[in-house]
Amino acid sequence: MVDFTGSRYRDFRSRTSREELQRASKLKSKLLGINNRDLKTLKVDLQTSLFLC
């Protein structure tokens, strides 16, 4: 998905952990989104954003 959107929307990147977030911070993206939803249970946990900050 990143490869596809990267070609169409240069600033889109997808990250899911602190390690990936650190790698993403080295990119020149203008926008970083955090999905607070567990895709297995569909439960929303706003603590995810705090954990990644």
PDB file of N, CA and C in Angstrom:
ATOM      1  N   MET A   1       0.820  -1.184   0.000  1.00  0.00           N
ATOM      2  CA  MET A   1       0.000   0.000   0.000  1.00  0.00           C
ATOM      3  C   MET A   1       0.868   1.252   0.000  1.00  0.00           C
ATOM      4  N   VAL A   2       1.927   1.232   0.765  1.00  0.00           N
ATOM      5  CA  VAL A   2       2.809   2.401   0.806  1.00  0.00           C
ATOM      6  C   VAL A   2       3.414   2.659  -0.562  1.00  0.00           C
ATOM      7  N   ASP A   3       3.841   1.588  -1.244  1.00  0.00           N
ATOM      8  CA  ASP A   3       4.418   1.770  -2.573  1.00  0.00           C
ATOM      9  C   ASP A   3       3.412   2.404  -3.524  1.00  0.00           C
ATOM     10  N   PHE A   4       2.160   1.918  -3.497  1.00  0.00           N
ATOM     11  CA  PHE A   4       1.122   2.462  -4.372  1.00  0.00           C
ATOM     12  C   PHE A   4       0.832   3.915  -4.043  1.00  0.00           C
ATOM     13  N   THR A   5       0.556   4.201  -2.787  1.00  0.00           N
ATOM     14  CA  THR A   5       0.213   5.567  -2.416  1.00  0.00           C
ATOM     15  C   THR A   5       1.420   6.480  -2.493  1.00  0.00           C
ATOM     16  N   GLY A   6       2.595   5.919  -2.262  1.00  0.00           N
ATOM     17  CA  GLY A   6       3.798   6.729  -2.363  1.00  0.00           C
ATOM     18  C   GLY A   6       3.977   7.293  -3.753  1.00  0.00           C
ATOM     19  N   SER A   7       3.531   6.535  -4.750  1.00  0.00           N
ATOM     20  CA  SER A   7       3.655   7.019  -6.116  1.00  0.00           C
ATOM     21  C   SER A   7       2.565   8.037  -6.450  1.00  0.00           C
ATOM     22  N   ARG A   8       1.401   7.917  -5.825  1.00  0.00           N
ATOM     23  CA  ARG A   8       0.297   8.832  -6.111  1.00  0.00           C
ATOM     24  C   ARG A   8       0.241   9.986  -5.121  1.00  0.00           C
ATOM     25  N   TYR A   9       0.508   9.692  -3.859  1.00  0.00           N
ATOM     26  CA  TYR A   9       0.445  10.690  -2.792  1.00  0.00           C
ATOM     27  C   TYR A   9       1.770  10.607  -2.047  1.00  0.00           C
ATOM     28  N   ARG A  10       2.704  11.363  -2.448  1.00  0.00           N
ATOM     29  CA  ARG A  10       4.081  11.216  -1.983  1.00  0.00           C
ATOM     30  C   ARG A  10       4.254  11.237  -0.471  1.00  0.00           C
ATOM     31  N   ASP A  11       3.366  11.869   0.263  1.00  0.00           N
ATOM     32  CA  ASP A  11       3.577  12.025   1.697  1.00  0.00           C
ATOM     33  C   ASP A  11       2.868  10.975   2.546  1.00  0.00           C
ATOM     34  N   PHE A  12       2.271   9.957   1.928  1.00  0.00           N
ATOM     35  CA  PHE A  12       1.578   8.930   2.707  1.00  0.00           C
ATOM     36  C   PHE A  12       2.553   7.835   3.121  1.00  0.00           C
ATOM     37  N   ARG A  13       2.537   7.497   4.401  1.00  0.00           N
ATOM     38  CA  ARG A  13       3.330   6.379   4.914  1.00  0.00           C
ATOM     39  C   ARG A  13       2.506   5.683   5.984  1.00  0.00           C
ATOM     40  N   SER A  14       2.730   4.401   6.182  1.00  0.00           N
ATOM     41  CA  SER A  14       1.987   3.624   7.180  1.00  0.00           C
ATOM     42  C   SER A  14       2.968   2.990   8.155  1.00  0.00           C
ATOM     43  N   ARG A  15       2.763   3.203   9.455  1.00  0.00           N
ATOM     44  CA  ARG A  15       3.646   2.653  10.484  1.00  0.00           C
ATOM     45  C   ARG A  15       2.812   2.137  11.641  1.00  0.00           C
ATOM     46  N   THR A  16       3.311   1.119  12.337  1.00  0.00           N
ATOM     47  CA  THR A  16       2.494   0.500  13.379  1.00  0.00           C
ATOM     48  C   THR A  16       3.198   0.303  14.717  1.00  0.00           C
ATOM     49  N   SER A  17       4.473   0.587  14.836  1.00  0.00           N
ATOM     50  CA  SER A  17       5.180   0.380  16.093  1.00  0.00           C
ATOM     51  C   SER A  17       6.156   1.534  16.325  1.00  0.00           C
ATOM     52  N   ARG A  18       6.717   1.592  17.523  1.00  0.00           N
ATOM     53  CA  ARG A  18       7.702   2.649  17.811  1.00  0.00           C
ATOM     54  C   ARG A  18       8.895   2.554  16.862  1.00  0.00           C
ATOM     55  N   GLU A  19       9.338   1.331  16.615  1.00  0.00           N
ATOM     56  CA  GLU A  19      10.480   1.148  15.713  1.00  0.00           C
ATOM     57  C   GLU A  19      10.146   1.673  14.318  1.00  0.00           C
ATOM     58  N   GLU A  20       8.974   1.342  13.829  1.00  0.00           N
ATOM     59  CA  GLU A  20       8.573   1.825  12.509  1.00  0.00           C
ATOM     60  C   GLU A  20       8.345   3.332  12.528  1.00  0.00           C
ATOM     61  N   LEU A  21       7.837   3.848  13.638  1.00  0.00           N
ATOM     62  CA  LEU A  21       7.632   5.283  13.763  1.00  0.00           C
ATOM     63  C   LEU A  21       8.965   6.027  13.711  1.00  0.00           C
ATOM     64  N   GLN A  22       9.993   5.468  14.330  1.00  0.00           N
ATOM     65  CA  GLN A  22      11.322   6.080  14.276  1.00  0.00           C
ATOM     66  C   GLN A  22      11.842   6.097  12.843  1.00  0.00           C
ATOM     67  N   ARG A  23      11.623   5.010  12.115  1.00  0.00           N
ATOM     68  CA  ARG A  23      12.039   4.979  10.705  1.00  0.00           C
ATOM     69  C   ARG A  23      11.245   5.997   9.898  1.00  0.00           C
ATOM     70  N   ALA A  24       9.946   6.103  10.181  1.00  0.00           N
ATOM     71  CA  ALA A  24       9.095   7.043   9.446  1.00  0.00           C
ATOM     72  C   ALA A  24       9.507   8.484   9.709  1.00  0.00           C
ATOM     73  N   SER A  25       9.992   8.767  10.907  1.00  0.00           N
ATOM     74  CA  SER A  25      10.377  10.139  11.239  1.00  0.00           C
ATOM     75  C   SER A  25      11.565  10.612  10.411  1.00  0.00           C
ATOM     76  N   LYS A  26      12.302   9.694   9.826  1.00  0.00           N
ATOM     77  CA  LYS A  26      13.440  10.056   8.982  1.00  0.00           C
ATOM     78  C   LYS A  26      13.011  10.383   7.554  1.00  0.00           C
ATOM     79  N   LEU A  27      11.756  10.063   7.213  1.00  0.00           N
ATOM     80  CA  LEU A  27      11.236  10.373   5.886  1.00  0.00           C
ATOM     81  C   LEU A  27      10.834  11.837   5.831  1.00  0.00           C
ATOM     82  N   LYS A  28      10.592  12.322   4.649  1.00  0.00           N
ATOM     83  CA  LYS A  28      10.232  13.727   4.492  1.00  0.00           C
ATOM     84  C   LYS A  28       8.725  13.904   4.338  1.00  0.00           C
ATOM     85  N   SER A  29       7.945  13.048   4.985  1.00  0.00           N
ATOM     86  CA  SER A  29       6.488  13.148   4.916  1.00  0.00           C
ATOM     87  C   SER A  29       6.011  14.379   5.674  1.00  0.00           C
ATOM     88  N   LYS A  30       4.992  15.020   5.150  1.00  0.00           N
ATOM     89  CA  LYS A  30       4.429  16.199   5.800  1.00  0.00           C
ATOM     90  C   LYS A  30       3.341  15.828   6.793  1.00  0.00           C
ATOM     91  N   LEU A  31       2.826  14.614   6.711  1.00  0.00           N
ATOM     92  CA  LEU A  31       1.718  14.200   7.555  1.00  0.00           C
ATOM     93  C   LEU A  31       1.962  12.787   8.050  1.00  0.00           C
ATOM     94  N   LEU A  32       1.680  12.564   9.320  1.00  0.00           N
ATOM     95  CA  LEU A  32       1.816  11.237   9.912  1.00  0.00           C
ATOM     96  C   LEU A  32       0.525  10.918  10.643  1.00  0.00           C
ATOM     97  N   GLY A  33      -0.131   9.840  10.259  1.00  0.00           N
ATOM     98  CA  GLY A  33      -1.380   9.438  10.892  1.00  0.00           C
ATOM     99  C   GLY A  33      -1.175   8.192  11.736  1.00  0.00           C
ATOM    100  N   ILE A  34      -1.910   8.110  12.829  1.00  0.00           N
ATOM    101  CA  ILE A  34      -1.837   6.943  13.708  1.00  0.00           C
ATOM    102  C   ILE A  34      -3.222   6.317  13.769  1.00  0.00           C
ATOM    103  N   ASN A  35      -3.302   5.032  13.452  1.00  0.00           N
ATOM    104  CA  ASN A  35      -4.562   4.306  13.532  1.00  0.00           C
ATOM    105  C   ASN A  35      -4.684   3.737  14.940  1.00  0.00           C
ATOM    106  N   ASN A  36      -5.654   4.203  15.693  1.00  0.00           N
ATOM    107  CA  ASN A  36      -5.860   3.747  17.067  1.00  0.00           C
ATOM    108  C   ASN A  36      -6.751   2.514  17.148  1.00  0.00           C
ATOM    109  N   ARG A  37      -7.121   1.956  16.012  1.00  0.00           N
ATOM    110  CA  ARG A  37      -8.021   0.811  15.986  1.00  0.00           C
ATOM    111  C   ARG A  37      -7.231  -0.486  15.833  1.00  0.00           C
ATOM    112  N   ASP A  38      -7.528  -1.448  16.691  1.00  0.00           N
ATOM    113  CA  ASP A  38      -6.969  -2.797  16.572  1.00  0.00           C
ATOM    114  C   ASP A  38      -7.724  -3.471  15.432  1.00  0.00           C
ATOM    115  N   LEU A  39      -7.046  -3.788  14.355  1.00  0.00           N
ATOM    116  CA  LEU A  39      -7.720  -4.320  13.176  1.00  0.00           C
ATOM    117  C   LEU A  39      -8.237  -5.740  13.364  1.00  0.00           C
ATOM    118  N   LYS A  40      -7.801  -6.423  14.408  1.00  0.00           N
ATOM    119  CA  LYS A  40      -8.321  -7.768  14.689  1.00  0.00           C
ATOM    120  C   LYS A  40      -9.632  -7.703  15.461  1.00  0.00           C
ATOM    121  N   THR A  41      -9.716  -6.802  16.444  1.00  0.00           N
ATOM    122  CA  THR A  41     -10.911  -6.710  17.293  1.00  0.00           C
ATOM    123  C   THR A  41     -11.781  -5.503  16.955  1.00  0.00           C
ATOM    124  N   LEU A  42     -11.239  -4.565  16.186  1.00  0.00           N
ATOM    125  CA  LEU A  42     -11.879  -3.298  15.824  1.00  0.00           C
ATOM    126  C   LEU A  42     -12.091  -2.374  17.024  1.00  0.00           C
ATOM    127  N   LYS A  43     -11.448  -2.690  18.136  1.00  0.00           N
ATOM    128  CA  LYS A  43     -11.520  -1.849  19.330  1.00  0.00           C
ATOM    129  C   LYS A  43     -10.603  -0.637  19.153  1.00  0.00           C
ATOM    130  N   VAL A  44     -11.094   0.529  19.555  1.00  0.00           N
ATOM    131  CA  VAL A  44     -10.312   1.763  19.475  1.00  0.00           C
ATOM    132  C   VAL A  44      -9.673   2.023  20.834  1.00  0.00           C
ATOM    133  N   ASP A  45      -8.362   2.287  20.821  1.00  0.00           N
ATOM    134  CA  ASP A  45      -7.632   2.580  22.051  1.00  0.00           C
ATOM    135  C   ASP A  45      -6.793   3.829  21.819  1.00  0.00           C
ATOM    136  N   LEU A  46      -7.226   4.952  22.367  1.00  0.00           N
ATOM    137  CA  LEU A  46      -6.518   6.215  22.163  1.00  0.00           C
ATOM    138  C   LEU A  46      -5.141   6.228  22.813  1.00  0.00           C
ATOM    139  N   GLN A  47      -4.868   5.281  23.684  1.00  0.00           N
ATOM    140  CA  GLN A  47      -3.554   5.174  24.314  1.00  0.00           C
ATOM    141  C   GLN A  47      -2.471   4.828  23.282  1.00  0.00           C
ATOM    142  N   THR A  48      -2.873   4.276  22.149  1.00  0.00           N
ATOM    143  CA  THR A  48      -1.908   3.947  21.093  1.00  0.00           C
ATOM    144  C   THR A  48      -1.135   5.191  20.676  1.00  0.00           C
ATOM    145  N   SER A  49      -1.828   6.295  20.501  1.00  0.00           N
ATOM    146  CA  SER A  49      -1.163   7.549  20.119  1.00  0.00           C
ATOM    147  C   SER A  49      -0.181   7.993  21.187  1.00  0.00           C
ATOM    148  N   LEU A  50      -0.587   7.897  22.438  1.00  0.00           N
ATOM    149  CA  LEU A  50       0.306   8.289  23.534  1.00  0.00           C
ATOM    150  C   LEU A  50       1.515   7.370  23.611  1.00  0.00           C
ATOM    151  N   PHE A  51       1.320   6.088  23.377  1.00  0.00           N
ATOM    152  CA  PHE A  51       2.409   5.119  23.395  1.00  0.00           C
ATOM    153  C   PHE A  51       3.444   5.426  22.319  1.00  0.00           C
ATOM    154  N   LEU A  52       2.979   5.847  21.157  1.00  0.00           N
ATOM    155  CA  LEU A  52       3.887   6.110  20.041  1.00  0.00           C
ATOM    156  C   LEU A  52       4.562   7.473  20.122  1.00  0.00           C
ATOM    157  N   CYS A  53       4.032   8.383  20.938  1.00  0.00           N
ATOM    158  CA  CYS A  53       4.617   9.737  21.030  1.00  0.00           C
ATOM    159  C   CYS A  53       5.899   9.760  21.791  1.00  0.00           C
TER     160      CYS A  53
END
